[in-house]
Amino acid sequence: MTTGLREGLGIHTEALVLRGKRNDLLASNIANAATPGYKARDIDFDSVLASQTQMGGNLRTSADRHMSISTVHGPDQTGYRVPTQPSLDGNTVDMAVEQMEFSENTVRYQTSLELLNRRISGLMNVIRGE
């Protein structure tokens, strides 16, 4: 995505991608609820998004060999969830927690998508001169 387009869309693009990756992790946790020894994983959405945006989401490089901040602080900053009720088989998935987190993240994903769609519609109106 070009820098000008990214600036026009704001933080919504990064939030949408990160929410999608978090949904994948939460779905994996739910799918592995009965797998012995499986450790539930999650992303600290707020801190990862902050690191992507504060630390130079709009950083411009002057040479092809320069690394962007998003390469250094990528969204693959997953951690293990601390279990509320440890199971005997070592599985740390708590279905109630995972389902609640998945539902909340899905709603927030849809909200980010709607905000992004509205932003794009607004930019299209400006381009058309409406």
Protein backbone atom coordinates (compact mmCIF):
# COMPACT_ATOMS: atom_id res chain seq x y z
CA MET A 1 0.00 0.00 0.00
CA THR A 2 1.41 3.39 -0.90
CA THR A 3 2.30 5.84 1.85
CA GLY A 4 -0.29 8.42 0.75
CA LEU A 5 -3.09 5.87 0.75
CA ARG A 6 -2.04 4.52 4.15
CA GLU A 7 -2.07 8.05 5.59
CA GLY A 8 -5.53 8.61 4.12
CA LEU A 9 -6.94 5.46 5.68
CA GLY A 10 -5.36 6.02 9.09
CA ILE A 11 -4.93 3.37 11.73
CA HIS A 12 -7.86 1.30 10.49
CA THR A 13 -5.82 -0.79 8.05
CA GLU A 14 -3.35 -1.92 10.71
CA ALA A 15 -6.18 -2.58 13.18
CA LEU A 16 -8.07 -4.70 10.65
CA VAL A 17 -5.05 -6.86 9.81
CA LEU A 18 -4.17 -7.32 13.47
CA ARG A 19 -7.77 -8.19 14.43
CA GLY A 20 -7.83 -10.78 11.65
CA LYS A 21 -4.64 -12.40 12.96
CA ARG A 22 -6.05 -12.37 16.49
CA ASN A 23 -9.25 -14.04 15.26
CA ASP A 24 -7.13 -16.81 13.71
CA LEU A 25 -5.32 -17.38 17.02
CA LEU A 26 -8.54 -17.44 19.04
CA ALA A 27 -10.17 -19.83 16.56
CA SER A 28 -7.14 -22.09 16.86
CA ASN A 29 -7.47 -22.04 20.65
CA ILE A 30 -11.13 -23.03 20.42
CA ALA A 31 -10.37 -25.78 17.89
CA ASN A 32 -7.70 -27.23 20.21
CA ALA A 33 -9.75 -27.12 23.40
CA ALA A 34 -9.55 -30.91 23.77
CA THR A 35 -5.90 -31.31 22.69
CA PRO A 36 -3.77 -32.46 25.63
CA GLY A 37 -0.89 -30.10 26.37
CA TYR A 38 -2.13 -27.34 24.04
CA LYS A 39 -1.26 -23.85 25.29
CA ALA A 40 -3.76 -21.10 24.47
CA ARG A 41 -2.18 -18.15 22.65
CA ASP A 42 -3.26 -14.56 22.18
CA ILE A 43 -2.07 -11.14 21.06
CA ASP A 44 -2.05 -8.08 23.29
CA PHE A 45 -3.89 -6.06 20.66
CA ASP A 46 -3.41 -2.64 22.25
CA SER A 47 0.34 -2.90 22.75
CA VAL A 48 1.03 -4.42 19.31
CA LEU A 49 -1.08 -1.79 17.55
CA ALA A 50 0.61 0.96 19.56
CA SER A 51 4.06 -0.35 18.63
CA GLN A 52 3.08 -0.45 14.95
CA THR A 53 1.64 3.05 14.86
CA GLN A 54 3.66 5.06 17.40
CA MET A 55 7.03 3.73 16.37
CA GLY A 56 6.77 4.91 12.79
CA GLY A 57 3.78 3.50 11.01
CA ASN A 58 4.34 6.29 8.47
CA LEU A 59 8.14 6.06 8.44
CA ARG A 60 9.63 6.78 5.06
CA THR A 61 12.90 5.18 4.05
CA SER A 62 15.41 6.71 1.68
CA ALA A 63 16.94 3.49 0.35
CA ASP A 64 15.63 0.06 -0.61
CA ARG A 65 17.90 -1.63 1.92
CA HIS A 66 16.45 0.28 4.89
CA MET A 67 14.15 -1.73 7.15
CA SER A 68 10.72 -0.40 8.00
CA ILE A 69 9.51 -0.32 11.59
CA SER A 70 6.74 -2.81 10.78
CA THR A 71 9.45 -5.33 9.87
CA VAL A 72 11.14 -4.90 13.23
CA HIS A 73 7.95 -4.81 15.32
CA GLY A 74 5.72 -7.21 13.40
CA PRO A 75 2.29 -8.39 14.49
CA ASP A 76 3.65 -11.83 15.40
CA GLN A 77 4.02 -10.83 19.05
CA THR A 78 1.92 -13.65 20.44
CA GLY A 79 2.02 -14.86 23.99
CA TYR A 80 0.49 -17.61 26.05
CA ARG A 81 -2.73 -17.02 27.94
CA VAL A 82 -2.55 -17.49 31.70
CA PRO A 83 -5.07 -20.24 32.54
CA THR A 84 -7.84 -19.48 35.04
CA GLN A 85 -8.51 -23.17 35.64
CA PRO A 86 -5.57 -25.40 34.72
CA SER A 87 -6.54 -28.83 33.44
CA LEU A 88 -4.90 -32.12 34.36
CA ASP A 89 -3.79 -32.79 30.77
CA GLY A 90 -1.89 -29.47 30.52
CA ASN A 91 -4.35 -27.79 28.15
CA THR A 92 -4.79 -24.10 29.03
CA VAL A 93 -7.83 -23.36 26.85
CA ASP A 94 -10.79 -22.03 28.85
CA MET A 95 -13.71 -22.25 26.41
CA ALA A 96 -15.74 -19.53 28.14
CA VAL A 97 -12.84 -17.07 27.94
CA GLU A 98 -11.93 -18.02 24.36
CA GLN A 99 -15.51 -17.74 23.10
CA MET A 100 -15.96 -14.37 24.80
CA GLU A 101 -12.67 -13.04 23.40
CA PHE A 102 -13.49 -14.39 19.94
CA SER A 103 -16.95 -12.78 19.96
CA GLU A 104 -15.60 -9.44 21.16
CA ASN A 105 -12.77 -9.47 18.62
CA THR A 106 -15.20 -10.32 15.81
CA VAL A 107 -17.42 -7.37 16.70
CA ARG A 108 -14.39 -5.08 16.83
CA TYR A 109 -13.16 -6.48 13.49
CA GLN A 110 -16.52 -5.64 11.94
CA THR A 111 -16.38 -2.17 13.47
CA SER A 112 -12.87 -1.58 12.08
CA LEU A 113 -14.07 -2.78 8.68
CA GLU A 114 -17.05 -0.42 8.78
CA LEU A 115 -14.83 2.52 9.77
CA LEU A 116 -12.44 1.67 6.95
CA ASN A 117 -15.32 1.45 4.46
CA ARG A 118 -16.62 4.84 5.59
CA ARG A 119 -13.17 6.34 5.27
CA ILE A 120 -12.81 4.97 1.74
CA SER A 121 -16.28 6.27 0.82
CA GLY A 122 -15.31 9.71 2.11
CA LEU A 123 -12.10 9.68 0.09
CA MET A 124 -14.01 8.58 -3.02
CA ASN A 125 -16.43 11.50 -2.54
CA VAL A 126 -13.48 13.89 -2.33
CA ILE A 127 -11.95 12.42 -5.49
CA ARG A 128 -15.25 12.75 -7.35
CA GLY A 129 -15.66 16.29 -6.05
CA GLU A 130 -18.91 15.63 -4.20
